[in-house]
């Protein structure tokens, strides 16, 4: 939740994509991406795109606070499932962890 700056030994995009391809080659079929907050990963779209090309069933775990209309549109046909964490039963309790204004404010139907 409070990961801060990237570490020097974190996987590069080329390494992540090579792992996805090897995973598929060895029979992998379901991919779950999580974080911290996965939507702030700078290479998320490329990772999703390659996972989609490999026909991996992809799930994103998110707190839901960083989604934009553009990201929703991008993932709509590429991701099988999005799971949103809710950290409280009302705005006040959720805000203790996520900050104010996040509980269902962006998810109204």
C-alpha atoms as a PDB file:
ATOM      1  CA  UNK A   1       0.000   0.000   0.000  1.00  0.00           C
ATOM      2  CA  UNK A   2       2.909   2.350   0.683  1.00  0.00           C
ATOM      3  CA  UNK A   3       5.470   0.867  -1.716  1.00  0.00           C
ATOM      4  CA  UNK A   4       7.202   4.116  -2.588  1.00  0.00           C
ATOM      5  CA  UNK A   5       9.860   4.252  -5.310  1.00  0.00           C
ATOM      6  CA  UNK A   6      10.670   1.293  -7.522  1.00  0.00           C
ATOM      7  CA  UNK A   7      13.593  -0.875  -6.482  1.00  0.00           C
ATOM      8  CA  UNK A   8      16.578  -1.436  -8.781  1.00  0.00           C
ATOM      9  CA  UNK A   9      15.963  -5.189  -8.920  1.00  0.00           C
ATOM     10  CA  UNK A  10      12.324  -5.021 -10.069  1.00  0.00           C
ATOM     11  CA  UNK A  11      11.529  -6.850 -13.277  1.00  0.00           C
ATOM     12  CA  UNK A  12      11.841  -4.898 -16.488  1.00  0.00           C
ATOM     13  CA  UNK A  13       8.997  -5.027 -19.021  1.00  0.00           C
ATOM     14  CA  UNK A  14      10.943  -7.394 -21.284  1.00  0.00           C
ATOM     15  CA  UNK A  15      11.398  -9.799 -18.364  1.00  0.00           C
ATOM     16  CA  UNK A  16       7.704  -9.674 -17.436  1.00  0.00           C
ATOM     17  CA  UNK A  17       6.672 -10.374 -21.026  1.00  0.00           C
ATOM     18  CA  UNK A  18       9.165 -13.250 -21.289  1.00  0.00           C
ATOM     19  CA  UNK A  19       7.668 -14.713 -18.095  1.00  0.00           C
ATOM     20  CA  UNK A  20       4.151 -14.417 -19.524  1.00  0.00           C
ATOM     21  CA  UNK A  21       5.208 -16.231 -22.696  1.00  0.00           C
ATOM     22  CA  UNK A  22       6.974 -18.979 -20.725  1.00  0.00           C
ATOM     23  CA  UNK A  23       3.952 -19.284 -18.433  1.00  0.00           C
ATOM     24  CA  UNK A  24       1.678 -19.821 -21.442  1.00  0.00           C
ATOM     25  CA  UNK A  25       4.123 -22.223 -23.084  1.00  0.00           C
ATOM     26  CA  UNK A  26       4.130 -24.354 -19.926  1.00  0.00           C
ATOM     27  CA  UNK A  27       0.341 -24.559 -19.796  1.00  0.00           C
ATOM     28  CA  UNK A  28      -0.557 -21.452 -17.809  1.00  0.00           C
ATOM     29  CA  UNK A  29      -3.978 -20.025 -18.510  1.00  0.00           C
ATOM     30  CA  UNK A  30      -5.024 -17.707 -15.632  1.00  0.00           C
ATOM     31  CA  UNK A  31      -3.147 -14.537 -14.692  1.00  0.00           C
ATOM     32  CA  UNK A  32      -3.856 -12.349 -11.684  1.00  0.00           C
ATOM     33  CA  UNK A  33      -2.180  -8.948 -11.459  1.00  0.00           C
ATOM     34  CA  UNK A  34      -2.071  -7.094  -8.168  1.00  0.00           C
ATOM     35  CA  UNK A  35       0.076  -4.548  -6.396  1.00  0.00           C
ATOM     36  CA  UNK A  36       0.125  -2.174  -4.340  1.00  0.00           C
ATOM     37  CA  UNK A  37      -2.233  -0.584  -6.788  1.00  0.00           C
ATOM     38  CA  UNK A  38      -1.775  -2.341 -10.123  1.00  0.00           C
ATOM     39  CA  UNK A  39      -3.260   0.518 -12.154  1.00  0.00           C
ATOM     40  CA  UNK A  40      -0.301   2.792 -11.403  1.00  0.00           C
ATOM     41  CA  UNK A  41       2.213   0.351 -12.933  1.00  0.00           C
ATOM     42  CA  UNK A  42       3.767   2.158 -15.893  1.00  0.00           C
ATOM     43  CA  UNK A  43       3.672  -0.927 -18.137  1.00  0.00           C
ATOM     44  CA  UNK A  44       0.212  -2.210 -17.210  1.00  0.00           C
ATOM     45  CA  UNK A  45      -1.343  -1.674 -20.623  1.00  0.00           C
ATOM     46  CA  UNK A  46       1.464  -3.486 -22.425  1.00  0.00           C
ATOM     47  CA  UNK A  47       1.302  -6.383 -19.953  1.00  0.00           C
ATOM     48  CA  UNK A  48      -2.473  -6.629 -20.395  1.00  0.00           C
ATOM     49  CA  UNK A  49      -2.117  -6.458 -24.165  1.00  0.00           C
ATOM     50  CA  UNK A  50       0.407  -9.303 -24.321  1.00  0.00           C
ATOM     51  CA  UNK A  51      -1.587 -11.399 -21.836  1.00  0.00           C
ATOM     52  CA  UNK A  52      -4.632 -10.867 -24.058  1.00  0.00           C
ATOM     53  CA  UNK A  53      -2.669 -11.878 -27.186  1.00  0.00           C
ATOM     54  CA  UNK A  54      -1.582 -15.050 -25.354  1.00  0.00           C
ATOM     55  CA  UNK A  55      -5.244 -15.752 -24.477  1.00  0.00           C
ATOM     56  CA  UNK A  56      -4.535 -15.663 -20.755  1.00  0.00           C
ATOM     57  CA  UNK A  57      -7.618 -15.133 -18.616  1.00  0.00           C
ATOM     58  CA  UNK A  58      -6.588 -12.011 -16.727  1.00  0.00           C
ATOM     59  CA  UNK A  59      -7.859 -10.695 -13.396  1.00  0.00           C
ATOM     60  CA  UNK A  60      -6.886  -7.330 -11.909  1.00  0.00           C
ATOM     61  CA  UNK A  61      -6.962  -6.722  -8.156  1.00  0.00           C
ATOM     62  CA  UNK A  62      -7.398  -3.019  -7.409  1.00  0.00           C
ATOM     63  CA  UNK A  63      -8.520  -0.592  -4.751  1.00  0.00           C
ATOM     64  CA  UNK A  64     -10.447   1.215  -7.494  1.00  0.00           C
ATOM     65  CA  UNK A  65      -9.122   4.685  -6.753  1.00  0.00           C
ATOM     66  CA  UNK A  66      -6.992   5.256  -9.860  1.00  0.00           C
ATOM     67  CA  UNK A  67      -9.342   4.107 -12.641  1.00  0.00           C
ATOM     68  CA  UNK A  68     -10.016   6.514 -15.472  1.00  0.00           C
ATOM     69  CA  UNK A  69     -12.621   6.217 -18.198  1.00  0.00           C
ATOM     70  CA  UNK A  70      -9.760   5.577 -20.633  1.00  0.00           C
ATOM     71  CA  UNK A  71      -8.405   2.676 -18.560  1.00  0.00           C
ATOM     72  CA  UNK A  72     -11.888   1.199 -18.197  1.00  0.00           C
ATOM     73  CA  UNK A  73     -12.349   1.327 -21.976  1.00  0.00           C
ATOM     74  CA  UNK A  74      -8.881  -0.144 -22.593  1.00  0.00           C
ATOM     75  CA  UNK A  75      -9.381  -3.115 -20.293  1.00  0.00           C
ATOM     76  CA  UNK A  76     -13.048  -3.799 -21.130  1.00  0.00           C
ATOM     77  CA  UNK A  77     -12.335  -6.407 -23.820  1.00  0.00           C
ATOM     78  CA  UNK A  78      -8.949  -7.572 -22.565  1.00  0.00           C
ATOM     79  CA  UNK A  79      -9.506  -8.397 -18.888  1.00  0.00           C
ATOM     80  CA  UNK A  80     -11.861 -11.112 -17.682  1.00  0.00           C
ATOM     81  CA  UNK A  81     -12.364  -9.802 -14.158  1.00  0.00           C
ATOM     82  CA  UNK A  82     -11.653  -6.792 -11.966  1.00  0.00           C
ATOM     83  CA  UNK A  83     -11.839  -7.259  -8.201  1.00  0.00           C
ATOM     84  CA  UNK A  84     -12.156  -4.062  -6.176  1.00  0.00           C
ATOM     85  CA  UNK A  85     -11.089  -3.965  -2.539  1.00  0.00           C
ATOM     86  CA  UNK A  86     -13.319  -1.975  -0.228  1.00  0.00           C
ATOM     87  CA  UNK A  87     -11.712  -1.137   3.089  1.00  0.00           C
ATOM     88  CA  UNK A  88     -14.712   0.007   5.077  1.00  0.00           C
ATOM     89  CA  UNK A  89     -18.452  -0.309   5.388  1.00  0.00           C
ATOM     90  CA  UNK A  90     -19.113   3.412   4.939  1.00  0.00           C
ATOM     91  CA  UNK A  91     -17.286   6.505   3.669  1.00  0.00           C
ATOM     92  CA  UNK A  92     -15.783   7.341   7.072  1.00  0.00           C
ATOM     93  CA  UNK A  93     -14.351   3.890   7.782  1.00  0.00           C
ATOM     94  CA  UNK A  94     -13.110   3.441   4.201  1.00  0.00           C
ATOM     95  CA  UNK A  95     -11.480   6.898   4.256  1.00  0.00           C
ATOM     96  CA  UNK A  96      -9.237   5.885   7.173  1.00  0.00           C
ATOM     97  CA  UNK A  97      -7.334   3.698   4.708  1.00  0.00           C
ATOM     98  CA  UNK A  98      -8.027   5.083   1.208  1.00  0.00           C
ATOM     99  CA  UNK A  99      -8.683   8.776   1.831  1.00  0.00           C
ATOM    100  CA  UNK A 100     -11.943  10.626   1.456  1.00  0.00           C
ATOM    101  CA  UNK A 101     -14.203  10.401  -1.550  1.00  0.00           C
ATOM    102  CA  UNK A 102     -13.295   6.933  -2.794  1.00  0.00           C
ATOM    103  CA  UNK A 103     -16.017   4.621  -1.506  1.00  0.00           C
ATOM    104  CA  UNK A 104     -18.324   3.976  -4.466  1.00  0.00           C
ATOM    105  CA  UNK A 105     -17.945   7.544  -5.716  1.00  0.00           C
ATOM    106  CA  UNK A 106     -16.538   6.357  -9.036  1.00  0.00           C
ATOM    107  CA  UNK A 107     -18.535   3.136  -9.279  1.00  0.00           C
ATOM    108  CA  UNK A 108     -22.116   4.377  -9.282  1.00  0.00           C
ATOM    109  CA  UNK A 109     -24.303   2.790 -11.919  1.00  0.00           C
END
